[in-house]
Amino acid sequence: MTSLPPSDESRTVPAPSDVGCEWIYRLRDYAPSERVRVRAIDRRPRSVRVDVEFLDGEKAGQQENVPSGRLHGPWSSVQRYDELMANWGRLAAEDDISEAEEYAIDTVFELLIPDEIATCWGQRQVKQVTEVHDRSGFEKLIGTTLDEITTAVASFELDGTWLLSPAGSLLVAELACLQSPAPVLDWVMEDEAKARDRCISGRKYQAHDGSGERTSDPEWEYKWYVEHERPQHELLRQWCGHRAVTTYERVTAAEAEVRRLDRIVRRLLDVLQDHDHVLAEVIEREHETERITSAGVRPEIERPKHPSEMPVRYVKVRAPRWW
């Protein structure tokens, strides 16, 4: 099982049998490890504090009452723990990503990367860490090798699983968009349509004070869109690439134009039918039977016919004159 970065929920709390034993103490998550001896355990209703005695350095012999969260296991495992925390520190050093990048990464992983292939998660200390579960499937999704990623960003292998820094998650999301831009662009268009409606009419929501349903102000919705949603949309389009975005927008525009023209033709046919025009039925039949669809847009390639298979065509010619 992969060891997660330190959190208040996953600390190791000394047991009564650990009194008198040497433990790992850290003032902060990435501070140096110090050797202490557990003197007593003070269990309170909502927390646990521990009396410890420092054994090395300038603080040797000094005793303090500290939160249990500063203790990280028996001192015998300090070498492995220090190596682990050094690796997490390298990942945390590449945690300088914006809010828009965080949201965009989450969107890409939700749309394109199944949980059995890789997951992206974060805690208070390290955000947006990618955990690769299926190496071959992961490489197919991003179009490159895992070695290329681990060379470019901070990463480390733990219990057979590769962990990538937030900068690595950013790179993975961009590569996945380049490989499969269509689902991402579909989501962006759909989310922009929802934002447009909210910026026109506001959004209904349940009040936090329990007073019932309320409607947000359209101006506030637009401000939220400009500050939070639009940067994410533009970043996702950038990751998908100019060619994919242009092609997608051209196809979307063509489909919308076809629907618009179809509505116009329907209205014209209704007018012709109301006036019993002789061409109304012919035009309607041609409009339905001669539609160009995706099933028939490709050129049909047939086997060349043998001369014996070709129909005989008789061409009438004018008889020659003999005078």
C-alpha atoms as a PDB file:
ATOM      1  CA  MET A   1       0.000   0.000   0.000  1.00  0.00           C
ATOM      2  CA  THR A   2       1.335   3.425  -0.920  1.00  0.00           C
ATOM      3  CA  SER A   3       2.335   5.624   2.015  1.00  0.00           C
ATOM      4  CA  LEU A   4       0.514   8.933   1.788  1.00  0.00           C
ATOM      5  CA  PRO A   5       2.143  12.223   2.767  1.00  0.00           C
ATOM      6  CA  PRO A   6       1.857  13.132   6.431  1.00  0.00           C
ATOM      7  CA  SER A   7      -1.511  14.344   7.660  1.00  0.00           C
ATOM      8  CA  ASP A   8      -3.068  14.897  11.043  1.00  0.00           C
ATOM      9  CA  GLU A   9      -5.355  11.903  10.467  1.00  0.00           C
ATOM     10  CA  SER A  10      -2.608   9.405   9.645  1.00  0.00           C
ATOM     11  CA  ARG A  11      -0.044  10.099  12.418  1.00  0.00           C
ATOM     12  CA  THR A  12       1.319   7.261  14.510  1.00  0.00           C
ATOM     13  CA  VAL A  13       0.242   7.666  18.141  1.00  0.00           C
ATOM     14  CA  PRO A  14       2.459   5.994  20.768  1.00  0.00           C
ATOM     15  CA  ALA A  15       0.829   3.229  22.792  1.00  0.00           C
ATOM     16  CA  PRO A  16       1.318   2.796  26.555  1.00  0.00           C
ATOM     17  CA  SER A  17       3.862   0.074  25.776  1.00  0.00           C
ATOM     18  CA  ASP A  18       5.988   2.671  23.937  1.00  0.00           C
ATOM     19  CA  VAL A  19       6.739   4.608  27.117  1.00  0.00           C
ATOM     20  CA  GLY A  20      10.517   4.557  27.545  1.00  0.00           C
ATOM     21  CA  CYS A  21      11.128   3.830  23.834  1.00  0.00           C
ATOM     22  CA  GLU A  22      12.968   6.089  21.391  1.00  0.00           C
ATOM     23  CA  TRP A  23      10.854   7.745  18.698  1.00  0.00           C
ATOM     24  CA  ILE A  24      11.197  10.045  15.686  1.00  0.00           C
ATOM     25  CA  TYR A  25      10.282  13.660  16.427  1.00  0.00           C
ATOM     26  CA  ARG A  26       9.808  16.432  13.861  1.00  0.00           C
ATOM     27  CA  LEU A  27       8.809  19.992  14.691  1.00  0.00           C
ATOM     28  CA  ARG A  28       7.340  20.338  11.188  1.00  0.00           C
ATOM     29  CA  ASP A  29       6.707  17.910   8.351  1.00  0.00           C
ATOM     30  CA  TYR A  30       9.969  18.661   6.519  1.00  0.00           C
ATOM     31  CA  ALA A  31      12.108  19.632   9.533  1.00  0.00           C
ATOM     32  CA  PRO A  32      15.065  17.401  10.513  1.00  0.00           C
ATOM     33  CA  SER A  33      14.283  14.262  12.499  1.00  0.00           C
ATOM     34  CA  GLU A  34      15.230  14.334  16.184  1.00  0.00           C
ATOM     35  CA  ARG A  35      15.614  11.401  18.582  1.00  0.00           C
ATOM     36  CA  VAL A  36      13.391  11.555  21.656  1.00  0.00           C
ATOM     37  CA  ARG A  37      12.333   9.188  24.423  1.00  0.00           C
ATOM     38  CA  VAL A  38       8.643   8.838  25.231  1.00  0.00           C
ATOM     39  CA  ARG A  39       8.138   9.626  28.936  1.00  0.00           C
ATOM     40  CA  ALA A  40       4.346   9.705  29.279  1.00  0.00           C
ATOM     41  CA  ILE A  41       1.179   9.809  27.178  1.00  0.00           C
ATOM     42  CA  ASP A  42      -1.480  12.389  27.971  1.00  0.00           C
ATOM     43  CA  ARG A  43      -4.784  11.329  26.369  1.00  0.00           C
ATOM     44  CA  ARG A  44      -7.367  14.095  26.258  1.00  0.00           C
ATOM     45  CA  PRO A  45     -10.985  14.053  24.979  1.00  0.00           C
ATOM     46  CA  ARG A  46     -10.076  15.539  21.589  1.00  0.00           C
ATOM     47  CA  SER A  47      -6.325  15.115  21.318  1.00  0.00           C
ATOM     48  CA  VAL A  48      -3.292  13.199  22.513  1.00  0.00           C
ATOM     49  CA  ARG A  49      -0.155  14.869  23.838  1.00  0.00           C
ATOM     50  CA  VAL A  50       3.096  13.163  24.735  1.00  0.00           C
ATOM     51  CA  ASP A  51       5.836  13.979  27.246  1.00  0.00           C
ATOM     52  CA  VAL A  52       9.160  13.470  25.481  1.00  0.00           C
ATOM     53  CA  GLU A  53      12.844  13.877  26.365  1.00  0.00           C
ATOM     54  CA  PHE A  54      15.294  14.997  23.690  1.00  0.00           C
ATOM     55  CA  LEU A  55      18.388  12.810  23.517  1.00  0.00           C
ATOM     56  CA  ASP A  56      20.770  14.548  21.079  1.00  0.00           C
ATOM     57  CA  GLY A  57      22.223  17.973  20.310  1.00  0.00           C
ATOM     58  CA  GLU A  58      21.729  21.201  22.206  1.00  0.00           C
ATOM     59  CA  LYS A  59      18.317  20.067  23.474  1.00  0.00           C
ATOM     60  CA  ALA A  60      19.668  16.845  25.026  1.00  0.00           C
ATOM     61  CA  GLY A  61      17.988  16.209  28.373  1.00  0.00           C
ATOM     62  CA  GLN A  62      15.251  18.777  27.750  1.00  0.00           C
ATOM     63  CA  GLN A  63      11.668  17.575  28.277  1.00  0.00           C
ATOM     64  CA  GLU A  64       8.564  18.908  26.528  1.00  0.00           C
ATOM     65  CA  ASN A  65       4.862  18.133  26.261  1.00  0.00           C
ATOM     66  CA  VAL A  66       4.216  17.941  22.492  1.00  0.00           C
ATOM     67  CA  PRO A  67       1.287  17.022  20.209  1.00  0.00           C
ATOM     68  CA  SER A  68       1.315  13.380  19.161  1.00  0.00           C
ATOM     69  CA  GLY A  69       1.333  14.497  15.522  1.00  0.00           C
ATOM     70  CA  ARG A  70       5.002  15.415  15.821  1.00  0.00           C
ATOM     71  CA  LEU A  71       5.964  11.795  16.485  1.00  0.00           C
ATOM     72  CA  HIS A  72       6.489   9.543  13.475  1.00  0.00           C
ATOM     73  CA  GLY A  73       7.282   6.045  14.642  1.00  0.00           C
ATOM     74  CA  PRO A  74      10.126   4.200  16.362  1.00  0.00           C
ATOM     75  CA  TRP A  75      13.629   5.605  15.946  1.00  0.00           C
ATOM     76  CA  SER A  76      14.762   2.299  14.439  1.00  0.00           C
ATOM     77  CA  SER A  77      12.906   3.230  11.220  1.00  0.00           C
ATOM     78  CA  VAL A  78      14.330   6.765  10.981  1.00  0.00           C
ATOM     79  CA  GLN A  79      16.459   6.097   7.893  1.00  0.00           C
ATOM     80  CA  ARG A  80      13.543   4.872   5.815  1.00  0.00           C
ATOM     81  CA  TYR A  81      11.306   7.633   7.149  1.00  0.00           C
ATOM     82  CA  ASP A  82      13.853  10.347   6.304  1.00  0.00           C
ATOM     83  CA  GLU A  83      14.222   8.985   2.763  1.00  0.00           C
ATOM     84  CA  LEU A  84      10.454   8.922   2.357  1.00  0.00           C
ATOM     85  CA  MET A  85      10.044  12.490   3.606  1.00  0.00           C
ATOM     86  CA  ALA A  86      12.897  13.678   1.390  1.00  0.00           C
ATOM     87  CA  ASN A  87      11.028  12.263  -1.597  1.00  0.00           C
ATOM     88  CA  TRP A  88       7.790  13.936  -0.504  1.00  0.00           C
ATOM     89  CA  GLY A  89       9.739  17.157  -0.041  1.00  0.00           C
ATOM     90  CA  ARG A  90      10.922  17.029  -3.659  1.00  0.00           C
ATOM     91  CA  LEU A  91       7.318  16.618  -4.798  1.00  0.00           C
ATOM     92  CA  ALA A  92       6.140  19.452  -2.549  1.00  0.00           C
ATOM     93  CA  ALA A  93       8.816  21.736  -4.018  1.00  0.00           C
ATOM     94  CA  GLU A  94       7.000  21.520  -7.384  1.00  0.00           C
ATOM     95  CA  ASP A  95       3.629  22.472  -5.907  1.00  0.00           C
ATOM     96  CA  ASP A  96       3.524  25.978  -7.389  1.00  0.00           C
ATOM     97  CA  ILE A  97       0.426  25.635  -9.587  1.00  0.00           C
ATOM     98  CA  SER A  98      -2.511  28.006  -9.925  1.00  0.00           C
ATOM     99  CA  GLU A  99      -6.157  27.426  -9.047  1.00  0.00           C
ATOM    100  CA  ALA A 100      -7.077  27.219 -12.737  1.00  0.00           C
ATOM    101  CA  GLU A 101      -4.406  24.566 -13.266  1.00  0.00           C
ATOM    102  CA  GLU A 102      -5.694  22.561 -10.295  1.00  0.00           C
ATOM    103  CA  TYR A 103      -9.268  22.597 -11.630  1.00  0.00           C
ATOM    104  CA  ALA A 104      -8.080  21.771 -15.147  1.00  0.00           C
ATOM    105  CA  ILE A 105      -6.056  18.787 -13.912  1.00  0.00           C
ATOM    106  CA  ASP A 106      -9.058  17.445 -11.992  1.00  0.00           C
ATOM    107  CA  THR A 107     -11.262  17.816 -15.080  1.00  0.00           C
ATOM    108  CA  VAL A 108      -8.825  15.978 -17.356  1.00  0.00           C
ATOM    109  CA  PHE A 109      -8.382  13.077 -14.944  1.00  0.00           C
ATOM    110  CA  GLU A 110     -12.148  12.793 -14.532  1.00  0.00           C
ATOM    111  CA  LEU A 111     -12.772  12.807 -18.298  1.00  0.00           C
ATOM    112  CA  LEU A 112      -9.809  10.916 -19.749  1.00  0.00           C
ATOM    113  CA  ILE A 113      -7.916   8.870 -17.152  1.00  0.00           C
ATOM    114  CA  PRO A 114      -9.692   5.955 -15.400  1.00  0.00           C
ATOM    115  CA  ASP A 115      -8.944   5.398 -11.727  1.00  0.00           C
ATOM    116  CA  GLU A 116      -7.508   1.959 -12.437  1.00  0.00           C
ATOM    117  CA  ILE A 117      -4.864   3.594 -14.677  1.00  0.00           C
ATOM    118  CA  ALA A 118      -3.857   6.560 -12.504  1.00  0.00           C
ATOM    119  CA  THR A 119      -5.319   8.807  -9.831  1.00  0.00           C
ATOM    120  CA  CYS A 120      -4.640  12.399  -8.890  1.00  0.00           C
ATOM    121  CA  TRP A 121      -5.121  13.477  -5.297  1.00  0.00           C
ATOM    122  CA  GLY A 122      -3.760  15.893  -2.748  1.00  0.00           C
ATOM    123  CA  GLN A 123      -3.631  16.754   0.906  1.00  0.00           C
ATOM    124  CA  ARG A 124      -2.695  19.811   2.914  1.00  0.00           C
ATOM    125  CA  GLN A 125       1.042  19.320   2.385  1.00  0.00           C
ATOM    126  CA  VAL A 126       1.126  18.238  -1.284  1.00  0.00           C
ATOM    127  CA  LYS A 127      -1.566  18.944  -3.866  1.00  0.00           C
ATOM    128  CA  GLN A 128      -2.249  17.253  -7.196  1.00  0.00           C
ATOM    129  CA  VAL A 129       0.025  14.221  -6.873  1.00  0.00           C
ATOM    130  CA  THR A 130      -0.410  11.600  -9.592  1.00  0.00           C
ATOM    131  CA  GLU A 131      -0.235   7.940  -8.599  1.00  0.00           C
ATOM    132  CA  VAL A 132       0.330   5.578 -11.549  1.00  0.00           C
ATOM    133  CA  HIS A 133      -1.300   2.154 -11.120  1.00  0.00           C
ATOM    134  CA  ASP A 134      -1.097   0.700 -14.653  1.00  0.00           C
ATOM    135  CA  ARG A 135       2.093   1.699 -16.431  1.00  0.00           C
ATOM    136  CA  SER A 136       1.270   0.372 -19.908  1.00  0.00           C
ATOM    137  CA  GLY A 137      -2.246   1.805 -19.879  1.00  0.00           C
ATOM    138  CA  PHE A 138      -0.898   5.116 -18.601  1.00  0.00           C
ATOM    139  CA  GLU A 139       1.633   5.363 -21.415  1.00  0.00           C
ATOM    140  CA  LYS A 140      -1.059   4.693 -24.028  1.00  0.00           C
ATOM    141  CA  LEU A 141      -3.242   7.485 -22.646  1.00  0.00           C
ATOM    142  CA  ILE A 142      -0.515  10.142 -22.646  1.00  0.00           C
ATOM    143  CA  GLY A 143       1.321   9.060 -25.797  1.00  0.00           C
ATOM    144  CA  THR A 144       4.785   8.836 -24.222  1.00  0.00           C
ATOM    145  CA  THR A 145       6.722   6.697 -21.772  1.00  0.00           C
ATOM    146  CA  LEU A 146       6.650   7.028 -18.015  1.00  0.00           C
ATOM    147  CA  ASP A 147      10.442   7.337 -18.087  1.00  0.00           C
ATOM    148  CA  GLU A 148      10.114  10.561 -20.094  1.00  0.00           C
ATOM    149  CA  ILE A 149       7.813  11.989 -17.427  1.00  0.00           C
ATOM    150  CA  THR A 150       9.948  10.954 -14.458  1.00  0.00           C
ATOM    151  CA  THR A 151      13.013  12.472 -16.132  1.00  0.00           C
ATOM    152  CA  ALA A 152      11.282  15.830 -16.577  1.00  0.00           C
ATOM    153  CA  VAL A 153       9.656  16.235 -13.135  1.00  0.00           C
ATOM    154  CA  ALA A 154      10.179  15.225  -9.516  1.00  0.00           C
ATOM    155  CA  SER A 155       8.983  11.685  -8.854  1.00  0.00           C
ATOM    156  CA  PHE A 156       9.772   8.553  -6.906  1.00  0.00           C
ATOM    157  CA  GLU A 157       8.758   4.905  -6.771  1.00  0.00           C
ATOM    158  CA  LEU A 158       7.169   3.553  -3.611  1.00  0.00           C
ATOM    159  CA  ASP A 159       6.107  -0.072  -3.176  1.00  0.00           C
ATOM    160  CA  GLY A 160       6.018  -0.568  -6.953  1.00  0.00           C
ATOM    161  CA  THR A 161       3.922   2.544  -7.611  1.00  0.00           C
ATOM    162  CA  TRP A 162       5.230   5.712  -9.234  1.00  0.00           C
ATOM    163  CA  LEU A 163       4.275   9.062  -7.709  1.00  0.00           C
ATOM    164  CA  LEU A 164       4.554  12.276  -9.738  1.00  0.00           C
ATOM    165  CA  SER A 165       4.781  15.837  -8.451  1.00  0.00           C
ATOM    166  CA  PRO A 166       2.095  18.498  -9.139  1.00  0.00           C
ATOM    167  CA  ALA A 167       4.237  19.675 -12.060  1.00  0.00           C
ATOM    168  CA  GLY A 168       4.121  16.094 -13.334  1.00  0.00           C
ATOM    169  CA  SER A 169       0.337  16.028 -12.994  1.00  0.00           C
ATOM    170  CA  LEU A 170       0.208  19.219 -15.048  1.00  0.00           C
ATOM    171  CA  LEU A 171       2.332  17.626 -17.775  1.00  0.00           C
ATOM    172  CA  VAL A 172       0.260  14.423 -17.742  1.00  0.00           C
ATOM    173  CA  ALA A 173      -2.996  16.375 -18.126  1.00  0.00           C
ATOM    174  CA  GLU A 174      -1.631  18.335 -21.088  1.00  0.00           C
ATOM    175  CA  LEU A 175      -0.379  15.201 -22.862  1.00  0.00           C
ATOM    176  CA  ALA A 176      -3.704  13.434 -22.290  1.00  0.00           C
ATOM    177  CA  CYS A 177      -5.552  16.386 -23.853  1.00  0.00           C
ATOM    178  CA  LEU A 178      -3.319  16.264 -26.924  1.00  0.00           C
ATOM    179  CA  GLN A 179      -4.090  12.554 -27.320  1.00  0.00           C
ATOM    180  CA  SER A 180      -7.885  12.824 -26.815  1.00  0.00           C
ATOM    181  CA  PRO A 181      -9.075  16.430 -27.236  1.00  0.00           C
ATOM    182  CA  ALA A 182     -12.712  15.768 -28.220  1.00  0.00           C
ATOM    183  CA  PRO A 183     -14.142  14.812 -24.776  1.00  0.00           C
ATOM    184  CA  VAL A 184     -12.398  17.780 -23.179  1.00  0.00           C
ATOM    185  CA  LEU A 185     -13.653  20.254 -25.787  1.00  0.00           C
ATOM    186  CA  ASP A 186     -17.175  18.817 -25.447  1.00  0.00           C
ATOM    187  CA  TRP A 187     -17.020  19.436 -21.714  1.00  0.00           C
ATOM    188  CA  VAL A 188     -15.730  22.994 -22.178  1.00  0.00           C
ATOM    189  CA  MET A 189     -18.547  23.860 -24.595  1.00  0.00           C
ATOM    190  CA  GLU A 190     -21.152  22.375 -22.254  1.00  0.00           C
ATOM    191  CA  ASP A 191     -19.741  24.159 -19.211  1.00  0.00           C
ATOM    192  CA  GLU A 192     -19.602  27.464 -21.090  1.00  0.00           C
ATOM    193  CA  ALA A 193     -23.256  27.068 -22.089  1.00  0.00           C
ATOM    194  CA  LYS A 194     -24.178  26.588 -18.425  1.00  0.00           C
ATOM    195  CA  ALA A 195     -22.116  29.629 -17.440  1.00  0.00           C
ATOM    196  CA  ARG A 196     -23.829  31.708 -20.122  1.00  0.00           C
ATOM    197  CA  ASP A 197     -27.251  30.822 -18.706  1.00  0.00           C
ATOM    198  CA  ARG A 198     -26.124  31.682 -15.176  1.00  0.00           C
ATOM    199  CA  CYS A 199     -24.740  35.030 -16.328  1.00  0.00           C
ATOM    200  CA  ILE A 200     -28.137  35.866 -17.886  1.00  0.00           C
ATOM    201  CA  SER A 201     -30.612  34.580 -15.305  1.00  0.00           C
ATOM    202  CA  GLY A 202     -28.552  33.820 -12.209  1.00  0.00           C
ATOM    203  CA  ARG A 203     -28.528  30.479 -10.412  1.00  0.00           C
ATOM    204  CA  LYS A 204     -30.971  29.003  -7.922  1.00  0.00           C
ATOM    205  CA  TYR A 205     -29.491  27.580  -4.738  1.00  0.00           C
ATOM    206  CA  GLN A 206     -30.456  26.668  -1.201  1.00  0.00           C
ATOM    207  CA  ALA A 207     -29.487  29.322   1.337  1.00  0.00           C
ATOM    208  CA  HIS A 208     -26.918  28.241   3.909  1.00  0.00           C
ATOM    209  CA  ASP A 209     -29.042  29.611   6.746  1.00  0.00           C
ATOM    210  CA  GLY A 210     -31.934  27.316   5.794  1.00  0.00           C
ATOM    211  CA  SER A 211     -34.210  30.169   4.717  1.00  0.00           C
ATOM    212  CA  GLY A 212     -35.085  28.423   1.461  1.00  0.00           C
ATOM    213  CA  GLU A 213     -34.282  28.792  -2.219  1.00  0.00           C
ATOM    214  CA  ARG A 214     -32.559  31.897  -3.516  1.00  0.00           C
ATOM    215  CA  THR A 215     -31.357  33.203  -6.874  1.00  0.00           C
ATOM    216  CA  SER A 216     -27.843  34.537  -7.344  1.00  0.00           C
ATOM    217  CA  ASP A 217     -27.136  37.858  -9.013  1.00  0.00           C
ATOM    218  CA  PRO A 218     -26.148  37.545 -12.724  1.00  0.00           C
ATOM    219  CA  GLU A 219     -23.393  40.136 -12.233  1.00  0.00           C
ATOM    220  CA  TRP A 220     -21.907  38.047  -9.422  1.00  0.00           C
ATOM    221  CA  GLU A 221     -22.103  34.930 -11.633  1.00  0.00           C
ATOM    222  CA  TYR A 222     -20.260  36.750 -14.427  1.00  0.00           C
ATOM    223  CA  LYS A 223     -17.558  37.915 -12.018  1.00  0.00           C
ATOM    224  CA  TRP A 224     -17.137  34.323 -10.798  1.00  0.00           C
ATOM    225  CA  TYR A 225     -16.962  33.077 -14.384  1.00  0.00           C
ATOM    226  CA  VAL A 226     -14.278  35.602 -15.366  1.00  0.00           C
ATOM    227  CA  GLU A 227     -12.134  34.956 -12.290  1.00  0.00           C
ATOM    228  CA  HIS A 228     -12.480  31.178 -11.914  1.00  0.00           C
ATOM    229  CA  GLU A 229     -14.113  29.383 -14.844  1.00  0.00           C
ATOM    230  CA  ARG A 230     -12.822  31.174 -17.938  1.00  0.00           C
ATOM    231  CA  PRO A 231      -9.120  30.667 -17.044  1.00  0.00           C
ATOM    232  CA  GLN A 232      -9.782  26.928 -16.739  1.00  0.00           C
ATOM    233  CA  HIS A 233     -11.615  26.801 -20.076  1.00  0.00           C
ATOM    234  CA  GLU A 234      -8.846  28.669 -21.886  1.00  0.00           C
ATOM    235  CA  LEU A 235      -6.180  26.451 -20.338  1.00  0.00           C
ATOM    236  CA  LEU A 236      -7.974  23.280 -21.436  1.00  0.00           C
ATOM    237  CA  ARG A 237      -8.282  24.633 -24.982  1.00  0.00           C
ATOM    238  CA  GLN A 238      -4.582  25.446 -24.951  1.00  0.00           C
ATOM    239  CA  TRP A 239      -3.733  21.907 -23.865  1.00  0.00           C
ATOM    240  CA  CYS A 240      -5.870  20.419 -26.639  1.00  0.00           C
ATOM    241  CA  GLY A 241      -3.891  22.363 -29.250  1.00  0.00           C
ATOM    242  CA  HIS A 242      -4.814  24.913 -31.899  1.00  0.00           C
ATOM    243  CA  ARG A 243      -5.538  22.366 -34.633  1.00  0.00           C
ATOM    244  CA  ALA A 244      -7.889  20.277 -32.482  1.00  0.00           C
ATOM    245  CA  VAL A 245      -9.721  23.373 -31.235  1.00  0.00           C
ATOM    246  CA  THR A 246     -10.079  24.809 -34.746  1.00  0.00           C
ATOM    247  CA  THR A 247     -11.333  21.511 -36.180  1.00  0.00           C
ATOM    248  CA  TYR A 248     -13.771  21.038 -33.320  1.00  0.00           C
ATOM    249  CA  GLU A 249     -15.154  24.562 -33.687  1.00  0.00           C
ATOM    250  CA  ARG A 250     -15.522  24.157 -37.463  1.00  0.00           C
ATOM    251  CA  VAL A 251     -17.429  20.890 -37.050  1.00  0.00           C
ATOM    252  CA  THR A 252     -19.607  22.379 -34.319  1.00  0.00           C
ATOM    253  CA  ALA A 253     -20.357  25.429 -36.467  1.00  0.00           C
ATOM    254  CA  ALA A 254     -21.170  23.246 -39.481  1.00  0.00           C
ATOM    255  CA  GLU A 255     -23.596  21.122 -37.460  1.00  0.00           C
ATOM    256  CA  ALA A 256     -25.291  24.219 -36.063  1.00  0.00           C
ATOM    257  CA  GLU A 257     -25.598  25.715 -39.554  1.00  0.00           C
ATOM    258  CA  VAL A 258     -27.154  22.503 -40.895  1.00  0.00           C
ATOM    259  CA  ARG A 259     -29.753  22.587 -38.132  1.00  0.00           C
ATOM    260  CA  ARG A 260     -30.502  26.233 -38.887  1.00  0.00           C
ATOM    261  CA  LEU A 261     -30.935  25.589 -42.617  1.00  0.00           C
ATOM    262  CA  ASP A 262     -33.071  22.525 -41.903  1.00  0.00           C
ATOM    263  CA  ARG A 263     -35.473  24.661 -39.888  1.00  0.00           C
ATOM    264  CA  ILE A 264     -35.682  27.171 -42.752  1.00  0.00           C
ATOM    265  CA  VAL A 265     -36.388  24.407 -45.291  1.00  0.00           C
ATOM    266  CA  ARG A 266     -39.139  23.045 -43.049  1.00  0.00           C
ATOM    267  CA  ARG A 267     -40.774  26.442 -42.870  1.00  0.00           C
ATOM    268  CA  LEU A 268     -40.586  26.871 -46.645  1.00  0.00           C
ATOM    269  CA  LEU A 269     -42.085  23.417 -47.195  1.00  0.00           C
ATOM    270  CA  ASP A 270     -44.955  24.262 -44.860  1.00  0.00           C
ATOM    271  CA  VAL A 271     -45.661  27.394 -46.884  1.00  0.00           C
ATOM    272  CA  LEU A 272     -45.574  25.467 -50.186  1.00  0.00           C
ATOM    273  CA  GLN A 273     -47.875  22.754 -48.811  1.00  0.00           C
ATOM    274  CA  ASP A 274     -50.320  25.343 -47.517  1.00  0.00           C
ATOM    275  CA  HIS A 275     -50.560  26.695 -51.071  1.00  0.00           C
ATOM    276  CA  ASP A 276     -50.736  23.208 -52.656  1.00  0.00           C
ATOM    277  CA  HIS A 277     -47.650  23.863 -54.728  1.00  0.00           C
ATOM    278  CA  VAL A 278     -46.821  21.027 -57.131  1.00  0.00           C
ATOM    279  CA  LEU A 279     -43.150  20.938 -56.096  1.00  0.00           C
ATOM    280  CA  ALA A 280     -43.794  20.708 -52.340  1.00  0.00           C
ATOM    281  CA  GLU A 281     -43.848  16.900 -52.258  1.00  0.00           C
ATOM    282  CA  VAL A 282     -40.848  16.581 -54.588  1.00  0.00           C
ATOM    283  CA  ILE A 283     -38.707  18.992 -52.555  1.00  0.00           C
ATOM    284  CA  GLU A 284     -39.645  17.305 -49.270  1.00  0.00           C
ATOM    285  CA  ARG A 285     -38.756  13.870 -50.643  1.00  0.00           C
ATOM    286  CA  GLU A 286     -35.402  15.073 -51.961  1.00  0.00           C
ATOM    287  CA  HIS A 287     -34.684  16.841 -48.683  1.00  0.00           C
ATOM    288  CA  GLU A 288     -35.121  13.590 -46.752  1.00  0.00           C
ATOM    289  CA  THR A 289     -33.648  11.017 -49.132  1.00  0.00           C
ATOM    290  CA  GLU A 290     -30.593  12.975 -50.290  1.00  0.00           C
ATOM    291  CA  ARG A 291     -29.271  13.938 -46.861  1.00  0.00           C
ATOM    292  CA  ILE A 292     -25.495  13.757 -46.476  1.00  0.00           C
ATOM    293  CA  THR A 293     -24.761  11.778 -43.308  1.00  0.00           C
ATOM    294  CA  SER A 294     -21.618  10.453 -41.661  1.00  0.00           C
ATOM    295  CA  ALA A 295     -22.506   6.965 -42.919  1.00  0.00           C
ATOM    296  CA  GLY A 296     -22.324   8.034 -46.552  1.00  0.00           C
ATOM    297  CA  VAL A 297     -19.780  10.826 -46.574  1.00  0.00           C
ATOM    298  CA  ARG A 298     -16.847   8.566 -47.423  1.00  0.00           C
ATOM    299  CA  PRO A 299     -16.178   7.815 -51.092  1.00  0.00           C
ATOM    300  CA  GLU A 300     -17.361   4.349 -52.104  1.00  0.00           C
ATOM    301  CA  ILE A 301     -14.617   2.255 -53.674  1.00  0.00           C
ATOM    302  CA  GLU A 302     -15.909  -0.573 -55.859  1.00  0.00           C
ATOM    303  CA  ARG A 303     -14.216  -3.442 -57.657  1.00  0.00           C
ATOM    304  CA  PRO A 304     -13.423  -2.652 -61.286  1.00  0.00           C
ATOM    305  CA  LYS A 305     -15.964  -4.274 -63.599  1.00  0.00           C
ATOM    306  CA  HIS A 306     -15.053  -6.762 -66.275  1.00  0.00           C
ATOM    307  CA  PRO A 307     -16.067  -5.680 -69.798  1.00  0.00           C
ATOM    308  CA  SER A 308     -18.610  -8.524 -69.829  1.00  0.00           C
ATOM    309  CA  GLU A 309     -20.312  -7.003 -66.777  1.00  0.00           C
ATOM    310  CA  MET A 310     -20.771  -3.625 -68.349  1.00  0.00           C
ATOM    311  CA  PRO A 311     -24.199  -2.933 -69.854  1.00  0.00           C
ATOM    312  CA  VAL A 312     -24.411  -2.496 -73.603  1.00  0.00           C
ATOM    313  CA  ARG A 313     -25.206   1.050 -74.588  1.00  0.00           C
ATOM    314  CA  TYR A 314     -26.663   1.826 -77.980  1.00  0.00           C
ATOM    315  CA  VAL A 315     -25.843   5.249 -79.296  1.00  0.00           C
ATOM    316  CA  LYS A 316     -27.858   6.521 -82.215  1.00  0.00           C
ATOM    317  CA  VAL A 317     -25.811   8.330 -84.800  1.00  0.00           C
ATOM    318  CA  ARG A 318     -26.833  10.143 -87.880  1.00  0.00           C
ATOM    319  CA  ALA A 319     -26.480   8.132 -91.052  1.00  0.00           C
ATOM    320  CA  PRO A 320     -23.778   9.392 -93.383  1.00  0.00           C
ATOM    321  CA  ARG A 321     -24.731  11.216 -96.540  1.00  0.00           C
ATOM    322  CA  TRP A 322     -23.585   9.846 -99.843  1.00  0.00           C
ATOM    323  CA  TRP A 323     -23.985  12.883-101.944  1.00  0.00           C
END
